Every structure is written in structure tokens, then in C-alpha cells.
């Protein structure tokens, strides 16, 4: 059996994180798109598409070289009088949208001003145009 770092990897179509080959996927690895049953059930819905569009719009409205926080996209797709709890529920979907855009080469995800691997980023992130 190969070492863990030698296993083939893919990017999850839903959360944008990198995941490695598993024995249970041996027969249909080419068809596997999601890292877990939760991501498979979640998929990509209208809210996810709206968050991706909001991220790109917010970035295009800014000066080149500037970045946004995922919370700005989470707030942008909700009503203006929305409560903090409501937009906070969209924070993880906004981070997932940012990871998908980063994997597609449209944006970069940074922490403390340095580009990071979207699959490895933990804690506060910023999003900038590539």
C-alpha cells in the first residue's frame, strides 16, 4: 500500500478541499467528485453560485491588489436589514465559494498577506483577485 503522501488526490466539487484516494473508491475513482457524503448531499446550489458571483463583483469593484473578507460576500447576498446571526450562517458557504474560485484560478486566498493553499487554510482568510 502506498504512503499517504503518494496517494492520488482530487479537489471536492462542493467544499473545494483536497482529498485523497480511498480504498472504497478503487473501482470508480474517476467518477468521484465529492470528499464526503455531506458534500455530495450539499452539492452546489443557487446560494453558492450567488456567493461566487458576489466575491468576484466585490473584488472587481475594489482597487487592484486589495482583498475582501468572506463575510463581505456573506452580507452582500442577504437583505440590508439582515441580522448578524443570519449572515454568519453563510460564512462557511462563503469560504467554500472562495476555495472553489481559488481552485479555478480566479482568486487567491491569503492569510497575513501571504497566499495559502485553500485546502490547508484555517482561521481568518482574505480573498484577492489573481
N, C-alpha and C. Protein backbone atom coordinates (compact mmCIF):
# COMPACT_ATOMS: atom_id res chain seq x y z
N UNK A 1 0.85 -1.19 0.00
CA UNK A 1 0.00 0.00 0.00
C UNK A 1 0.89 1.24 0.00
N UNK A 2 0.60 2.22 -0.84
CA UNK A 2 1.43 3.43 -0.91
C UNK A 2 1.29 4.28 0.35
N UNK A 3 2.32 5.07 0.60
CA UNK A 3 2.27 6.01 1.72
C UNK A 3 1.19 7.06 1.44
N UNK A 4 0.64 7.66 2.49
CA UNK A 4 -0.44 8.64 2.32
C UNK A 4 -0.09 9.77 1.36
N UNK A 5 1.15 10.23 1.39
CA UNK A 5 1.51 11.35 0.51
C UNK A 5 1.67 10.90 -0.94
N UNK A 6 1.68 9.59 -1.20
CA UNK A 6 1.78 9.07 -2.56
C UNK A 6 0.42 8.78 -3.20
N UNK A 7 -0.65 8.90 -2.43
CA UNK A 7 -1.98 8.61 -2.95
C UNK A 7 -2.44 9.72 -3.89
N UNK A 8 -3.19 9.38 -4.94
CA UNK A 8 -3.72 10.42 -5.81
C UNK A 8 -4.74 11.29 -5.06
N UNK A 9 -4.84 12.53 -5.47
CA UNK A 9 -5.78 13.45 -4.82
C UNK A 9 -6.67 14.11 -5.86
N UNK A 10 -7.78 14.66 -5.36
CA UNK A 10 -8.72 15.44 -6.17
C UNK A 10 -9.18 16.62 -5.33
N UNK A 11 -9.87 17.55 -5.98
CA UNK A 11 -10.48 18.68 -5.28
C UNK A 11 -11.98 18.43 -5.23
N UNK A 12 -12.58 18.57 -4.05
CA UNK A 12 -14.01 18.37 -3.88
C UNK A 12 -14.78 19.44 -4.65
N UNK A 13 -15.79 19.01 -5.40
CA UNK A 13 -16.58 19.95 -6.19
C UNK A 13 -17.45 20.85 -5.32
N UNK A 14 -17.71 20.45 -4.09
CA UNK A 14 -18.57 21.24 -3.21
C UNK A 14 -17.77 22.16 -2.28
N UNK A 15 -16.86 21.58 -1.50
CA UNK A 15 -16.15 22.39 -0.50
C UNK A 15 -14.82 22.94 -0.99
N UNK A 16 -14.30 22.40 -2.09
CA UNK A 16 -13.05 22.91 -2.64
C UNK A 16 -11.80 22.42 -1.94
N UNK A 17 -11.94 21.51 -0.99
CA UNK A 17 -10.76 20.98 -0.30
C UNK A 17 -10.20 19.78 -1.05
N UNK A 18 -8.90 19.58 -0.89
CA UNK A 18 -8.22 18.44 -1.49
C UNK A 18 -8.52 17.20 -0.66
N UNK A 19 -8.78 16.08 -1.33
CA UNK A 19 -8.98 14.81 -0.64
C UNK A 19 -8.24 13.71 -1.37
N UNK A 20 -7.86 12.69 -0.63
CA UNK A 20 -7.04 11.61 -1.18
C UNK A 20 -7.89 10.38 -1.50
N UNK A 21 -7.36 9.58 -2.38
CA UNK A 21 -7.95 8.31 -2.79
C UNK A 21 -8.20 7.44 -1.56
N UNK A 22 -9.30 6.71 -1.60
CA UNK A 22 -9.62 5.75 -0.53
C UNK A 22 -9.93 4.41 -1.18
N UNK A 23 -9.66 3.37 -0.45
CA UNK A 23 -9.86 2.00 -0.95
C UNK A 23 -11.29 1.79 -1.46
N UNK A 24 -12.29 2.37 -0.76
CA UNK A 24 -13.67 2.16 -1.17
C UNK A 24 -13.98 2.76 -2.54
N UNK A 25 -13.13 3.68 -3.02
CA UNK A 25 -13.32 4.31 -4.33
C UNK A 25 -12.49 3.64 -5.42
N UNK A 26 -11.88 2.52 -5.12
CA UNK A 26 -10.95 1.87 -6.03
C UNK A 26 -11.54 1.64 -7.42
N UNK A 27 -12.79 1.18 -7.49
CA UNK A 27 -13.39 0.84 -8.78
C UNK A 27 -13.90 2.05 -9.56
N UNK A 28 -14.23 3.15 -8.87
CA UNK A 28 -14.82 4.30 -9.58
C UNK A 28 -14.15 5.63 -9.23
N UNK A 29 -12.86 5.62 -8.98
CA UNK A 29 -12.12 6.83 -8.61
C UNK A 29 -12.32 7.94 -9.64
N UNK A 30 -12.39 7.60 -10.92
CA UNK A 30 -12.56 8.62 -11.95
C UNK A 30 -13.89 9.36 -11.83
N UNK A 31 -14.90 8.72 -11.26
CA UNK A 31 -16.23 9.32 -11.14
C UNK A 31 -16.44 10.07 -9.82
N UNK A 32 -15.53 9.89 -8.87
CA UNK A 32 -15.68 10.53 -7.56
C UNK A 32 -15.47 12.03 -7.69
N UNK A 33 -16.44 12.84 -7.18
CA UNK A 33 -16.36 14.30 -7.25
C UNK A 33 -16.36 14.97 -5.88
N UNK A 34 -16.82 14.24 -4.86
CA UNK A 34 -17.01 14.84 -3.54
C UNK A 34 -16.19 14.10 -2.49
N UNK A 35 -15.73 14.84 -1.48
CA UNK A 35 -14.89 14.27 -0.44
C UNK A 35 -15.68 13.49 0.61
N UNK A 36 -16.97 13.75 0.72
CA UNK A 36 -17.77 13.10 1.76
C UNK A 36 -19.23 13.04 1.33
N UNK A 37 -20.01 12.28 2.08
CA UNK A 37 -21.44 12.22 1.81
C UNK A 37 -22.11 13.57 2.07
N UNK A 38 -21.60 14.30 3.06
CA UNK A 38 -22.17 15.63 3.36
C UNK A 38 -21.97 16.57 2.18
N UNK A 39 -20.78 16.57 1.58
CA UNK A 39 -20.54 17.43 0.43
C UNK A 39 -21.35 16.96 -0.78
N UNK A 40 -21.50 15.67 -0.92
CA UNK A 40 -22.31 15.14 -2.03
C UNK A 40 -23.76 15.58 -1.89
N UNK A 41 -24.28 15.53 -0.66
CA UNK A 41 -25.67 15.95 -0.41
C UNK A 41 -25.82 17.46 -0.59
N UNK A 42 -24.82 18.22 -0.18
CA UNK A 42 -24.88 19.68 -0.28
C UNK A 42 -24.74 20.13 -1.72
N UNK A 43 -23.79 19.56 -2.44
CA UNK A 43 -23.57 19.94 -3.83
C UNK A 43 -23.27 21.42 -3.96
N UNK A 44 -23.70 22.02 -5.05
CA UNK A 44 -23.55 23.46 -5.27
C UNK A 44 -24.94 23.99 -5.64
N UNK A 45 -25.46 24.86 -4.79
CA UNK A 45 -26.81 25.37 -5.02
C UNK A 45 -26.78 26.83 -5.47
N UNK A 46 -27.96 27.45 -5.56
CA UNK A 46 -28.04 28.86 -6.00
C UNK A 46 -27.31 29.81 -5.07
N UNK A 47 -27.39 29.54 -3.76
CA UNK A 47 -26.68 30.40 -2.80
C UNK A 47 -25.17 30.34 -3.05
N UNK A 48 -24.64 29.15 -3.34
CA UNK A 48 -23.21 29.01 -3.62
C UNK A 48 -22.82 29.82 -4.86
N UNK A 49 -23.64 29.72 -5.89
CA UNK A 49 -23.37 30.48 -7.12
C UNK A 49 -23.45 31.98 -6.84
N UNK A 50 -24.42 32.39 -6.02
CA UNK A 50 -24.55 33.81 -5.67
C UNK A 50 -23.34 34.29 -4.88
N UNK A 51 -22.82 33.47 -3.99
CA UNK A 51 -21.64 33.84 -3.22
C UNK A 51 -20.41 33.98 -4.12
N UNK A 52 -20.25 33.05 -5.06
CA UNK A 52 -19.13 33.16 -6.00
C UNK A 52 -19.24 34.46 -6.80
N UNK A 53 -20.43 34.76 -7.30
CA UNK A 53 -20.64 35.99 -8.06
C UNK A 53 -20.39 37.23 -7.19
N UNK A 54 -20.83 37.19 -5.93
CA UNK A 54 -20.62 38.32 -5.02
C UNK A 54 -19.14 38.55 -4.76
N UNK A 55 -18.40 37.47 -4.57
CA UNK A 55 -16.96 37.59 -4.34
C UNK A 55 -16.30 38.27 -5.53
N UNK A 56 -16.59 37.78 -6.72
CA UNK A 56 -15.98 38.36 -7.93
C UNK A 56 -16.41 39.81 -8.14
N UNK A 57 -17.68 40.12 -7.86
CA UNK A 57 -18.16 41.50 -8.02
C UNK A 57 -17.50 42.44 -7.01
N UNK A 58 -17.44 42.02 -5.76
CA UNK A 58 -16.80 42.85 -4.73
C UNK A 58 -15.34 43.11 -5.07
N UNK A 59 -14.65 42.09 -5.56
CA UNK A 59 -13.24 42.27 -5.91
C UNK A 59 -13.06 43.16 -7.13
N UNK A 60 -13.97 43.05 -8.09
CA UNK A 60 -13.84 43.89 -9.29
C UNK A 60 -14.15 45.35 -8.98
N UNK A 61 -14.93 45.61 -7.92
CA UNK A 61 -15.25 46.97 -7.52
C UNK A 61 -14.12 47.63 -6.72
N UNK A 62 -13.14 46.86 -6.30
CA UNK A 62 -12.04 47.38 -5.49
C UNK A 62 -10.85 47.73 -6.35
N UNK A 63 -9.93 48.49 -5.76
CA UNK A 63 -8.68 48.80 -6.44
C UNK A 63 -7.88 47.51 -6.61
N UNK A 64 -7.10 47.41 -7.70
CA UNK A 64 -6.26 46.22 -7.88
C UNK A 64 -5.32 46.03 -6.68
N UNK A 65 -5.14 44.79 -6.30
CA UNK A 65 -4.24 44.48 -5.19
C UNK A 65 -4.91 44.47 -3.83
N UNK A 66 -6.19 44.84 -3.75
CA UNK A 66 -6.88 44.81 -2.47
C UNK A 66 -7.63 43.49 -2.33
N UNK A 67 -8.06 43.20 -1.11
CA UNK A 67 -8.73 41.93 -0.84
C UNK A 67 -10.02 42.18 -0.06
N UNK A 68 -10.80 41.11 0.05
CA UNK A 68 -12.04 41.17 0.83
C UNK A 68 -12.04 40.03 1.83
N UNK A 69 -12.92 40.15 2.79
CA UNK A 69 -13.16 39.08 3.76
C UNK A 69 -14.37 38.29 3.26
N UNK A 70 -14.43 36.98 3.49
CA UNK A 70 -15.61 36.22 3.08
C UNK A 70 -16.91 36.77 3.68
N UNK A 71 -16.82 37.43 4.83
CA UNK A 71 -18.03 37.98 5.45
C UNK A 71 -18.67 39.05 4.58
N UNK A 72 -17.88 39.75 3.78
CA UNK A 72 -18.44 40.77 2.89
C UNK A 72 -19.35 40.13 1.85
N UNK A 73 -18.95 38.98 1.32
CA UNK A 73 -19.79 38.26 0.36
C UNK A 73 -21.02 37.69 1.06
N UNK A 74 -20.84 37.19 2.27
CA UNK A 74 -21.97 36.63 3.03
C UNK A 74 -23.02 37.71 3.29
N UNK A 75 -22.57 38.92 3.58
CA UNK A 75 -23.50 40.03 3.80
C UNK A 75 -24.12 40.52 2.50
N UNK A 76 -23.34 40.48 1.42
CA UNK A 76 -23.77 41.07 0.15
C UNK A 76 -24.98 40.37 -0.46
N UNK A 77 -25.14 39.07 -0.22
CA UNK A 77 -26.25 38.37 -0.87
C UNK A 77 -27.51 38.35 -0.03
N UNK A 78 -27.46 38.92 1.17
CA UNK A 78 -28.64 38.98 2.02
C UNK A 78 -29.29 40.35 1.98
N UNK A 79 -30.47 40.48 2.59
CA UNK A 79 -31.13 41.78 2.65
C UNK A 79 -30.35 42.75 3.55
N UNK A 80 -30.52 44.04 3.31
CA UNK A 80 -29.76 45.05 4.07
C UNK A 80 -30.06 45.03 5.56
N UNK A 81 -31.28 44.71 5.94
CA UNK A 81 -31.66 44.74 7.35
C UNK A 81 -31.48 43.38 8.04
N UNK A 82 -30.67 42.53 7.45
CA UNK A 82 -30.46 41.18 7.98
C UNK A 82 -29.70 41.21 9.31
N UNK A 83 -30.01 40.27 10.18
CA UNK A 83 -29.33 40.18 11.47
C UNK A 83 -27.94 39.57 11.29
N UNK A 84 -27.09 39.81 12.27
CA UNK A 84 -25.74 39.26 12.22
C UNK A 84 -25.77 37.73 12.19
N UNK A 85 -26.65 37.13 12.97
CA UNK A 85 -26.73 35.67 13.00
C UNK A 85 -27.06 35.09 11.63
N UNK A 86 -27.87 35.79 10.87
CA UNK A 86 -28.28 35.29 9.55
C UNK A 86 -27.11 35.26 8.57
N UNK A 87 -26.34 36.35 8.49
CA UNK A 87 -25.23 36.32 7.54
C UNK A 87 -24.09 35.45 8.03
N UNK A 88 -23.95 35.29 9.35
CA UNK A 88 -22.89 34.42 9.88
C UNK A 88 -23.11 32.96 9.47
N UNK A 89 -24.36 32.58 9.26
CA UNK A 89 -24.64 31.22 8.78
C UNK A 89 -24.09 30.99 7.38
N UNK A 90 -23.86 32.05 6.64
CA UNK A 90 -23.32 31.94 5.29
C UNK A 90 -21.80 32.04 5.24
N UNK A 91 -21.13 32.14 6.39
CA UNK A 91 -19.68 32.28 6.40
C UNK A 91 -18.97 31.04 5.83
N UNK A 92 -19.34 29.86 6.28
CA UNK A 92 -18.68 28.67 5.75
C UNK A 92 -19.02 28.48 4.28
N UNK A 93 -20.28 28.67 3.84
CA UNK A 93 -20.53 28.62 2.40
C UNK A 93 -19.70 29.65 1.62
N UNK A 94 -19.46 30.83 2.20
CA UNK A 94 -18.63 31.84 1.53
C UNK A 94 -17.18 31.37 1.42
N UNK A 95 -16.69 30.72 2.46
CA UNK A 95 -15.33 30.17 2.42
C UNK A 95 -15.23 29.05 1.38
N UNK A 96 -16.27 28.22 1.31
CA UNK A 96 -16.29 27.16 0.28
C UNK A 96 -16.27 27.78 -1.12
N UNK A 97 -17.07 28.83 -1.32
CA UNK A 97 -17.10 29.52 -2.62
C UNK A 97 -15.71 30.07 -2.95
N UNK A 98 -15.04 30.65 -1.97
CA UNK A 98 -13.70 31.19 -2.20
C UNK A 98 -12.72 30.08 -2.57
N UNK A 99 -12.83 28.93 -1.90
CA UNK A 99 -11.94 27.82 -2.24
C UNK A 99 -12.19 27.32 -3.67
N UNK A 100 -13.46 27.23 -4.07
CA UNK A 100 -13.75 26.80 -5.44
C UNK A 100 -13.18 27.78 -6.45
N UNK A 101 -13.34 29.09 -6.19
CA UNK A 101 -12.79 30.11 -7.09
C UNK A 101 -11.26 30.05 -7.13
N UNK A 102 -10.65 29.80 -5.99
CA UNK A 102 -9.18 29.69 -5.94
C UNK A 102 -8.72 28.47 -6.73
N UNK A 103 -9.43 27.36 -6.60
CA UNK A 103 -9.06 26.16 -7.34
C UNK A 103 -9.24 26.35 -8.84
N UNK A 104 -10.17 27.21 -9.23
CA UNK A 104 -10.40 27.51 -10.64
C UNK A 104 -9.40 28.55 -11.16
N UNK A 105 -8.56 29.10 -10.28
CA UNK A 105 -7.56 30.08 -10.69
C UNK A 105 -8.08 31.49 -10.80
N UNK A 106 -9.26 31.78 -10.28
CA UNK A 106 -9.85 33.12 -10.39
C UNK A 106 -9.41 34.05 -9.26
N UNK A 107 -9.18 33.50 -8.06
CA UNK A 107 -8.79 34.31 -6.90
C UNK A 107 -7.64 33.61 -6.17
N UNK A 108 -7.05 34.34 -5.23
CA UNK A 108 -6.10 33.71 -4.32
C UNK A 108 -6.61 33.93 -2.90
N UNK A 109 -6.31 33.00 -2.04
CA UNK A 109 -6.68 33.10 -0.63
C UNK A 109 -5.41 33.39 0.14
N UNK A 110 -5.48 34.40 1.00
CA UNK A 110 -4.31 34.81 1.76
C UNK A 110 -4.59 34.78 3.26
N UNK A 111 -3.51 34.63 3.99
CA UNK A 111 -3.52 34.78 5.45
C UNK A 111 -2.27 35.57 5.80
N UNK A 112 -2.46 36.62 6.57
CA UNK A 112 -1.36 37.51 6.96
C UNK A 112 -0.59 38.00 5.74
N UNK A 113 -1.32 38.27 4.64
CA UNK A 113 -0.73 38.83 3.45
C UNK A 113 -0.03 37.85 2.53
N UNK A 114 -0.01 36.56 2.88
CA UNK A 114 0.68 35.57 2.06
C UNK A 114 -0.32 34.57 1.50
N UNK A 115 -0.13 34.19 0.25
CA UNK A 115 -1.01 33.20 -0.39
C UNK A 115 -0.87 31.86 0.34
N UNK A 116 -2.01 31.20 0.55
CA UNK A 116 -2.02 29.90 1.21
C UNK A 116 -2.80 28.90 0.36
N UNK A 117 -2.55 27.63 0.61
CA UNK A 117 -3.29 26.56 -0.05
C UNK A 117 -4.72 26.59 0.48
N UNK A 118 -5.72 26.72 -0.39
CA UNK A 118 -7.11 26.80 0.07
C UNK A 118 -7.54 25.61 0.94
N UNK A 119 -6.97 24.43 0.66
CA UNK A 119 -7.33 23.24 1.43
C UNK A 119 -6.75 23.25 2.84
N UNK A 120 -5.69 23.99 3.02
CA UNK A 120 -4.98 23.99 4.31
C UNK A 120 -5.30 25.19 5.19
N UNK A 121 -5.92 26.23 4.65
CA UNK A 121 -6.16 27.46 5.40
C UNK A 121 -7.13 27.22 6.56
N UNK A 122 -6.73 27.62 7.73
CA UNK A 122 -7.56 27.56 8.93
C UNK A 122 -7.55 28.95 9.55
N UNK A 123 -8.67 29.40 10.05
CA UNK A 123 -8.73 30.72 10.67
C UNK A 123 -9.10 31.79 9.65
N UNK A 124 -8.89 33.06 10.01
CA UNK A 124 -9.29 34.17 9.14
C UNK A 124 -8.54 34.15 7.81
N UNK A 125 -9.28 34.39 6.74
CA UNK A 125 -8.68 34.46 5.41
C UNK A 125 -9.12 35.74 4.72
N UNK A 126 -8.40 36.10 3.68
CA UNK A 126 -8.75 37.20 2.81
C UNK A 126 -8.76 36.63 1.39
N UNK A 127 -9.52 37.28 0.52
CA UNK A 127 -9.66 36.83 -0.85
C UNK A 127 -9.25 37.99 -1.76
N UNK A 128 -8.39 37.70 -2.74
CA UNK A 128 -7.94 38.73 -3.69
C UNK A 128 -8.00 38.16 -5.10
N UNK A 129 -8.13 39.06 -6.08
CA UNK A 129 -8.08 38.61 -7.47
C UNK A 129 -6.69 38.09 -7.80
N UNK A 130 -6.64 37.10 -8.65
CA UNK A 130 -5.35 36.56 -9.08
C UNK A 130 -4.73 37.51 -10.05
